[in-house]
Protein backbone atom coordinates (compact mmCIF):
# COMPACT_ATOMS: atom_id res chain seq x y z
CA MET A 1 13.20 32.02 10.00
CA LYS A 2 15.09 30.78 13.01
CA LEU A 3 14.35 27.82 15.29
CA THR A 4 15.78 24.88 17.17
CA VAL A 5 14.14 21.45 17.00
CA LEU A 6 14.83 18.01 18.46
CA LYS A 7 16.54 15.82 15.85
CA ASP A 8 14.42 12.67 16.41
CA HIS A 9 11.15 14.53 15.81
CA LEU A 10 12.54 16.27 12.72
CA ASN A 11 13.90 12.97 11.37
CA GLU A 12 10.54 11.26 11.83
CA ALA A 13 8.68 14.07 10.03
CA ILE A 14 11.21 14.06 7.16
CA GLY A 15 10.83 10.26 6.89
CA HIS A 16 7.06 10.61 6.51
CA VAL A 17 7.02 13.38 3.90
CA SER A 18 9.95 11.97 1.89
CA LYS A 19 7.62 9.22 0.64
CA ALA A 20 6.08 11.86 -1.65
CA ILE A 21 9.41 12.90 -3.23
CA SER A 22 9.85 11.63 -6.79
CA SER A 23 13.22 11.45 -8.55
CA ARG A 24 11.37 11.64 -11.88
CA THR A 25 9.75 15.06 -11.42
CA THR A 26 10.31 17.71 -14.10
CA ILE A 27 9.49 20.49 -11.60
CA PRO A 28 12.76 21.33 -9.77
CA ILE A 29 11.12 22.73 -6.63
CA LEU A 30 9.32 19.39 -6.04
CA THR A 31 12.69 17.75 -5.32
CA GLY A 32 12.62 19.77 -2.10
CA ILE A 33 10.82 19.69 1.25
CA LYS A 34 8.94 22.85 2.19
CA ILE A 35 9.37 23.93 5.82
CA ASP A 36 6.89 26.38 7.40
CA ALA A 37 7.57 27.67 10.92
CA THR A 38 4.59 29.32 12.67
CA GLY A 39 3.48 30.07 16.21
CA ALA A 40 1.98 26.55 16.43
CA GLY A 41 5.03 24.58 15.29
CA ILE A 42 6.76 23.36 12.13
CA THR A 43 4.97 21.93 9.09
CA LEU A 44 6.94 19.91 6.53
CA THR A 45 5.42 19.37 3.06
CA ALA A 46 6.51 17.21 0.11
CA SER A 47 4.70 16.45 -3.15
CA ASP A 48 5.13 14.76 -6.51
CA THR A 49 1.73 16.13 -7.76
CA ASP A 50 0.15 12.66 -7.44
CA ILE A 51 0.80 12.39 -3.69
CA SER A 52 1.30 15.23 -1.20
CA ILE A 53 2.24 14.62 2.44
CA GLN A 54 2.32 17.08 5.33
CA SER A 55 3.78 16.33 8.74
CA PHE A 56 3.36 18.68 11.71
CA ILE A 57 5.80 19.03 14.63
CA PRO A 58 4.19 20.87 17.58
CA LEU A 59 6.13 23.26 19.82
CA GLU A 60 5.74 20.82 22.69
CA SER A 61 4.28 17.41 23.52
CA ASP A 62 3.59 15.82 26.94
CA GLY A 63 5.41 18.66 28.67
CA THR A 64 8.56 18.27 26.54
CA THR A 65 9.71 21.24 24.44
CA ILE A 66 10.30 20.03 20.87
CA VAL A 67 10.61 23.33 18.98
CA GLU A 68 11.90 26.71 20.12
CA LEU A 69 10.83 29.36 17.63
CA TYR A 70 12.78 32.62 17.39
CA ALA A 71 11.52 33.88 14.02
CA LYS A 72 8.71 32.61 11.77
CA GLY A 73 9.28 31.89 8.10
CA SER A 74 9.42 29.37 5.27
CA VAL A 75 11.99 27.77 2.99
CA VAL A 76 12.28 24.83 0.57
CA LEU A 77 15.36 22.64 1.08
CA PRO A 78 16.67 19.85 -1.24
CA ALA A 79 15.05 16.69 0.14
CA LYS A 80 17.80 14.13 -0.39
CA PHE A 81 20.62 16.21 1.10
CA PHE A 82 18.46 17.65 3.90
CA SER A 83 17.23 14.23 5.06
CA GLU A 84 20.71 12.68 4.99
CA ILE A 85 22.42 15.56 6.78
CA ILE A 86 19.80 15.73 9.58
CA ARG A 87 20.12 11.98 10.15
CA LYS A 88 23.91 12.31 10.57
CA LEU A 89 24.01 15.35 12.87
CA PRO A 90 25.96 14.83 16.11
CA THR A 91 23.51 16.16 18.76
CA GLN A 92 19.77 16.18 19.51
CA GLN A 93 19.53 19.97 19.25
CA VAL A 94 19.29 21.17 15.63
CA GLN A 95 19.22 24.87 14.82
CA ILE A 96 17.89 26.01 11.43
CA GLU A 97 18.31 29.64 10.37
CA VAL A 98 17.21 31.13 7.04
CA LYS A 99 18.64 34.48 5.92
CA ASP A 100 18.52 36.56 2.70
CA GLN A 101 18.08 34.72 -0.61
CA PHE A 102 16.98 31.65 1.42
CA GLN A 103 20.57 30.97 2.45
CA THR A 104 20.03 28.34 5.18
CA THR A 105 22.40 27.41 8.00
CA ILE A 106 21.98 24.18 9.99
CA ARG A 107 23.91 23.88 13.27
CA SER A 108 24.26 20.92 15.59
CA GLY A 109 27.03 20.52 18.14
CA SER A 110 30.24 21.59 16.38
CA SER A 111 28.76 21.04 12.88
CA GLU A 112 27.61 23.92 10.69
CA ILE A 113 26.17 23.30 7.21
CA GLN A 114 25.20 25.93 4.63
CA ILE A 115 22.46 25.05 2.12
CA MET A 116 21.02 27.14 -0.70
CA GLY A 117 17.26 27.06 -0.14
CA LEU A 118 14.51 27.81 -2.66
CA ASP A 119 11.65 30.31 -2.58
CA PRO A 120 8.62 28.72 -0.83
CA GLU A 121 6.28 31.03 -2.79
CA GLU A 122 7.06 28.91 -5.88
CA TYR A 123 5.95 25.70 -4.14
CA PRO A 124 2.56 24.42 -5.44
CA LEU A 125 -0.39 24.88 -3.09
CA LEU A 126 -1.97 21.76 -1.64
CA PRO A 127 -5.46 20.93 -2.94
CA GLU A 128 -8.41 22.45 -1.08
CA ILE A 129 -10.86 19.72 -0.15
CA ASP A 130 -14.51 19.98 0.94
CA GLU A 131 -14.87 17.79 4.00
CA ASP A 132 -18.49 16.72 3.50
CA LYS A 133 -17.77 13.05 2.62
CA ILE A 134 -15.78 11.49 5.46
CA ILE A 135 -15.15 7.84 6.34
CA ARG A 136 -13.70 7.07 9.76
CA MET A 137 -12.03 3.68 10.22
CA PRO A 138 -9.33 1.97 12.32
CA SER A 139 -5.86 2.31 10.80
CA ASP A 140 -5.01 -1.37 11.39
CA LEU A 141 -8.10 -2.44 9.38
CA LEU A 142 -7.14 -0.11 6.51
CA LYS A 143 -3.53 -1.44 6.59
CA MET A 144 -4.82 -5.01 6.37
CA MET A 145 -7.24 -4.24 3.52
CA VAL A 146 -4.45 -2.58 1.51
CA ARG A 147 -2.04 -5.47 2.21
CA GLN A 148 -4.63 -8.06 1.12
CA THR A 149 -5.42 -6.39 -2.21
CA SER A 150 -2.82 -3.92 -3.54
CA PHE A 151 -0.31 -6.61 -4.63
CA ALA A 152 -2.79 -7.63 -7.37
CA VAL A 153 -2.79 -4.27 -9.19
CA SER A 154 -1.38 -4.15 -12.70
CA THR A 155 2.14 -2.85 -13.26
CA ASN A 156 1.37 -2.20 -16.93
CA GLU A 157 0.89 1.53 -17.53
CA THR A 158 -0.97 0.94 -20.81
CA THR A 159 -4.15 0.50 -18.75
CA PRO A 160 -3.61 3.10 -15.99
CA ILE A 161 -6.92 2.41 -14.21
CA LEU A 162 -5.82 -1.19 -13.41
CA THR A 163 -2.68 0.11 -11.63
CA GLY A 164 -5.05 1.20 -8.85
CA VAL A 165 -7.32 -0.32 -6.22
CA GLN A 166 -11.03 0.42 -6.64
CA TRP A 167 -12.91 1.56 -3.52
CA THR A 168 -16.69 1.20 -3.29
CA ILE A 169 -19.05 1.98 -0.43
CA ALA A 170 -22.61 0.68 -0.24
CA ASP A 171 -24.86 -0.30 2.70
CA GLY A 172 -22.19 0.68 5.24
CA LYS A 173 -19.56 -1.61 3.69
CA LEU A 174 -16.23 -0.59 2.19
CA LYS A 175 -14.89 -2.88 -0.55
CA PHE A 176 -11.47 -2.90 -2.25
CA ILE A 177 -10.90 -4.56 -5.64
CA ALA A 178 -7.55 -4.99 -7.42
CA CYS A 179 -7.13 -6.81 -10.74
CA ASP A 180 -4.33 -7.15 -13.31
CA ARG A 181 -6.26 -9.35 -15.80
CA HIS A 182 -4.51 -12.53 -14.54
CA ARG A 183 -5.62 -12.32 -10.90
CA LEU A 184 -8.03 -10.44 -8.70
CA ALA A 185 -8.17 -9.61 -4.98
CA THR A 186 -11.20 -8.30 -3.09
CA ARG A 187 -11.62 -7.39 0.57
CA GLU A 188 -14.76 -6.05 2.24
CA ALA A 189 -15.35 -4.61 5.72
CA SER A 190 -18.23 -3.05 7.62
CA ILE A 191 -17.34 0.46 8.75
CA ASP A 192 -19.04 3.19 10.77
CA VAL A 193 -20.30 5.47 8.01
CA ASP A 194 -23.40 7.48 7.16
CA SER A 195 -25.78 4.98 5.48
CA SER A 196 -26.53 7.51 2.72
CA LEU A 197 -22.86 7.68 1.65
CA GLU A 198 -22.23 5.66 -1.50
CA PHE A 199 -19.58 5.72 -4.23
CA ASN A 200 -18.21 3.17 -6.68
CA ASN A 201 -15.42 4.60 -8.80
CA ILE A 202 -12.76 5.85 -6.42
CA VAL A 203 -9.50 4.32 -7.73
CA ILE A 204 -6.22 4.96 -5.89
CA ALA A 205 -2.85 3.91 -7.34
CA GLY A 206 -1.44 0.74 -5.75
CA ARG A 207 1.97 2.42 -5.40
CA THR A 208 0.36 5.27 -3.46
CA LEU A 209 -1.43 2.87 -1.10
CA GLY A 210 1.89 1.10 -0.51
CA GLU A 211 3.44 4.42 0.62
CA LEU A 212 0.38 5.18 2.76
CA ASN A 213 0.69 1.79 4.45
CA LYS A 214 4.22 2.65 5.60
CA ILE A 215 2.87 5.72 7.42
CA LEU A 216 -0.39 4.35 8.86
CA PRO A 217 -0.12 3.71 12.63
CA GLU A 218 0.09 0.02 13.59
CA GLN A 219 -2.14 0.42 16.62
CA ASN A 220 -5.90 0.63 16.42
CA THR A 221 -6.23 4.42 15.98
CA LEU A 222 -9.11 5.95 14.06
CA ILE A 223 -8.19 7.88 10.93
CA ASP A 224 -10.38 10.14 8.81
CA ILE A 225 -10.60 9.61 5.05
CA VAL A 226 -12.00 12.60 3.17
CA ILE A 227 -13.31 11.89 -0.34
CA ALA A 228 -13.52 14.77 -2.80
CA GLU A 229 -14.03 15.10 -6.54
CA ASN A 230 -10.53 14.10 -7.66
CA GLN A 231 -8.62 13.78 -4.38
CA VAL A 232 -8.66 11.64 -1.26
CA LEU A 233 -7.19 12.97 2.00
CA PHE A 234 -6.09 10.64 4.83
CA LYS A 235 -5.89 12.45 8.17
CA MET A 236 -3.93 10.80 10.98
CA ASN A 237 -2.33 12.21 14.13
CA ALA A 238 0.07 14.89 12.84
CA ILE A 239 0.08 13.74 9.19
CA LEU A 240 -2.04 14.70 6.18
CA PHE A 241 -1.70 12.42 3.13
CA TYR A 242 -3.30 13.65 -0.11
CA THR A 243 -3.62 11.50 -3.20
CA ARG A 244 -5.08 11.99 -6.65
CA ILE A 245 -7.91 9.71 -7.80
CA LEU A 246 -7.02 7.90 -11.05
CA ASP A 247 -8.96 8.98 -14.16
CA GLY A 248 -11.18 6.47 -15.93
CA THR A 249 -13.83 3.90 -15.10
CA TYR A 250 -12.84 0.68 -13.38
CA PRO A 251 -14.11 -2.41 -15.26
CA ASP A 252 -16.94 -4.48 -13.76
CA THR A 253 -15.17 -7.53 -12.30
CA SER A 254 -18.21 -9.09 -10.59
CA LYS A 255 -18.89 -11.43 -13.54
CA LEU A 256 -15.46 -13.06 -13.11
CA ILE A 257 -16.44 -14.64 -9.78
CA PRO A 258 -18.46 -17.88 -10.11
CA GLN A 259 -21.47 -18.40 -7.85
CA ALA A 260 -21.16 -22.22 -7.73
CA TYR A 261 -18.25 -24.69 -7.91
CA GLN A 262 -17.67 -27.97 -9.69
CA THR A 263 -14.88 -28.91 -7.25
CA GLU A 264 -14.15 -27.64 -3.72
CA LEU A 265 -11.38 -28.40 -1.28
CA VAL A 266 -10.28 -27.25 2.18
CA VAL A 267 -6.57 -27.38 3.03
CA SER A 268 -4.15 -26.13 5.69
CA THR A 269 -2.94 -22.66 4.63
CA ARG A 270 0.55 -23.19 6.06
CA GLU A 271 1.05 -26.62 4.44
CA LEU A 272 -0.04 -25.34 1.03
CA ILE A 273 2.16 -22.21 1.27
CA ASP A 274 5.20 -24.29 2.20
CA ALA A 275 4.63 -26.85 -0.58
CA ILE A 276 4.07 -24.19 -3.28
CA ASP A 277 7.04 -22.20 -1.99
CA ARG A 278 9.29 -25.23 -2.58
CA ALA A 279 7.74 -25.88 -6.00
CA TYR A 280 8.22 -22.20 -6.89
CA LEU A 281 12.00 -22.56 -6.48
CA LEU A 282 12.10 -24.98 -9.44
CA SER A 283 9.45 -23.29 -11.58
CA ARG A 284 11.27 -19.96 -11.17
CA GLU A 285 14.42 -21.40 -12.78
CA ASP A 286 12.54 -21.93 -16.07
CA LYS A 287 11.09 -18.40 -15.73
CA THR A 288 7.58 -19.86 -16.14
CA ASN A 289 6.52 -20.05 -12.45
CA ILE A 290 4.17 -22.90 -13.51
CA VAL A 291 3.17 -25.34 -10.77
CA ARG A 292 0.68 -28.19 -11.21
CA MET A 293 -1.93 -29.40 -8.76
CA GLN A 294 -3.59 -32.81 -9.16
CA MET A 295 -6.44 -34.00 -6.94
CA LYS A 296 -6.38 -37.65 -5.80
CA GLU A 297 -9.17 -40.02 -4.76
CA ASP A 298 -7.62 -40.47 -1.30
CA GLU A 299 -8.54 -36.82 -0.50
CA SER A 300 -5.07 -35.45 -1.13
CA ILE A 301 -3.47 -33.18 -3.71
CA GLU A 302 -0.17 -33.59 -5.49
CA ILE A 303 1.87 -30.42 -6.04
CA SER A 304 4.57 -30.67 -8.71
CA SER A 305 6.94 -28.48 -10.68
CA SER A 306 9.89 -29.07 -12.94
CA SER A 307 12.86 -27.34 -14.46
CA SER A 308 14.44 -28.51 -17.71
CA GLU A 309 17.88 -27.98 -16.15
CA LEU A 310 17.42 -28.82 -12.47
CA GLY A 311 14.87 -31.63 -12.32
CA LYS A 312 11.45 -32.19 -10.76
CA LEU A 313 9.68 -31.73 -7.42
CA THR A 314 6.57 -33.62 -6.28
CA GLU A 315 4.86 -33.61 -2.90
CA GLN A 316 1.53 -34.69 -1.49
CA ILE A 317 -0.74 -32.81 0.96
CA ASN A 318 -3.69 -34.37 2.79
CA LEU A 319 -6.88 -32.33 2.48
CA HIS A 320 -9.44 -31.58 5.19
CA LYS A 321 -12.25 -31.76 2.64
CA LEU A 322 -12.62 -32.56 -1.06
CA LYS A 323 -15.87 -32.75 -2.99
CA GLY A 324 -16.74 -32.74 -6.66
CA GLU A 325 -14.84 -33.69 -9.80
CA LEU A 326 -11.11 -34.50 -9.49
CA LEU A 327 -9.11 -31.96 -11.49
CA LYS A 328 -5.59 -31.43 -12.73
CA ILE A 329 -4.80 -27.71 -12.93
CA SER A 330 -1.73 -25.51 -13.58
CA PHE A 331 -1.18 -22.00 -12.25
CA ASN A 332 1.39 -19.27 -11.64
CA SER A 333 3.04 -20.20 -8.32
CA LYS A 334 4.09 -16.59 -7.62
CA TYR A 335 0.47 -15.42 -7.92
CA MET A 336 -0.72 -18.30 -5.74
CA LEU A 337 1.86 -17.50 -3.04
CA ASP A 338 0.90 -13.81 -3.06
CA ALA A 339 -2.75 -14.78 -2.57
CA LEU A 340 -2.08 -17.37 0.16
CA LYS A 341 0.24 -15.17 2.20
CA VAL A 342 -2.50 -12.60 2.92
CA MET A 343 -5.02 -15.19 4.12
CA ASP A 344 -6.00 -14.60 7.75
CA SER A 345 -7.15 -18.17 8.44
CA ASP A 346 -5.52 -21.52 9.33
CA PHE A 347 -7.54 -23.28 6.62
CA ILE A 348 -8.51 -22.08 3.18
CA HIS A 349 -11.33 -22.99 0.83
CA ILE A 350 -10.44 -23.29 -2.88
CA GLY A 351 -13.21 -23.51 -5.47
CA PHE A 352 -12.91 -24.62 -9.12
CA THR A 353 -15.42 -24.60 -12.00
CA GLY A 354 -13.15 -26.49 -14.41
CA ALA A 355 -9.49 -26.89 -15.35
CA MET A 356 -9.45 -23.66 -17.41
CA GLN A 357 -11.78 -21.56 -15.24
CA PRO A 358 -10.76 -19.10 -12.48
CA ILE A 359 -9.46 -20.55 -9.20
CA ILE A 360 -11.21 -18.94 -6.19
CA ILE A 361 -9.37 -18.86 -2.85
CA LYS A 362 -11.04 -17.78 0.40
CA PRO A 363 -10.27 -18.14 4.12
CA GLU A 364 -12.49 -20.91 5.52
CA GLU A 365 -13.77 -18.63 8.31
CA ASN A 366 -13.95 -15.25 6.57
CA ALA A 367 -16.26 -14.44 3.66
CA ASN A 368 -14.92 -10.86 3.38
CA LEU A 369 -11.71 -11.80 1.55
CA LEU A 370 -11.49 -13.43 -1.89
CA GLN A 371 -8.59 -14.09 -4.26
CA LEU A 372 -8.97 -15.18 -7.90
CA ILE A 373 -6.22 -16.61 -10.12
CA LEU A 374 -6.55 -17.61 -13.77
CA PRO A 375 -5.04 -21.06 -14.49
CA TYR A 376 -2.52 -21.82 -17.24
CA ARG A 377 -3.11 -24.08 -20.19
CA THR A 378 -0.27 -26.62 -20.29
CA THR A 379 0.46 -29.75 -22.30
CA GLY A 380 0.83 -33.16 -20.68
């Protein structure tokens, strides 16, 4: 194999595929990036068996030559060293040449680096996927749906299924659900999909969706999502992102969400975030994160927190609406902040069915997003 490639394009492709490199793998070849040079361009592949990412660099784009190919071939190069050395090369032109025993030479300007490559034949094949179940949706909508739900997945590996986000499709609507037993996040959106397509137990690891979100284009470009038996493939521009579907059945969370409320309030999202953020500073010192909310008859709420060493914080926020029974409730301020920060509305609606029942948070204008937090039982 012998080629020259523009450094910026190679760097970008390495950056994308590196998200699939795991330091914990027990398979040595998976610590490397596979490079395939063909008549169409260069394909980079990385995998940790749970996620596999491919990035394609064409020979040219918009009249600019990106790759000059002198000899086709393949090699696997150690990901960490390869990515760091390419980033630090002195010129835009990078020459890569692979000789016998996968001895690889990288040249740029006056720099010449020798790397021992690995046999690409030993690299695992990517999964073959039947493309008969495809969803097409805007990348910015998918990014938002992931951002508004994936933070609520469990980090406890004893229940692996809860470390993922559940995807369901019914009646042309895609719904995400994430739950860690203390909180729940759901987001729904109408998408352009065949009305006969339905599924309800596609669960993708929250960590994987976080890596996907870093790659998804910001602008409103359509991406294809291919759903197979145990894999999901995200197809965007020059990138293919494969992920394994988690094994197991996601629990039915619908019964956790109350249909009617005993108390309801509407409050400015920004004011509540700022007040709870300040209260969190104190509650964090005691490592409890507990903040209290007390509703007042003058249509306001009092937010308070305390630290045995530092002292106490109390502040009052005027509400836009308050109806029902006045409650005093305690909750995890970190969970509340996570939920509030993904709200896409100036005002939020919070519903309560009692001091020890789930707290339901929704944007005032948008019924497609819902956050649930379980309150804490406190004394005094």
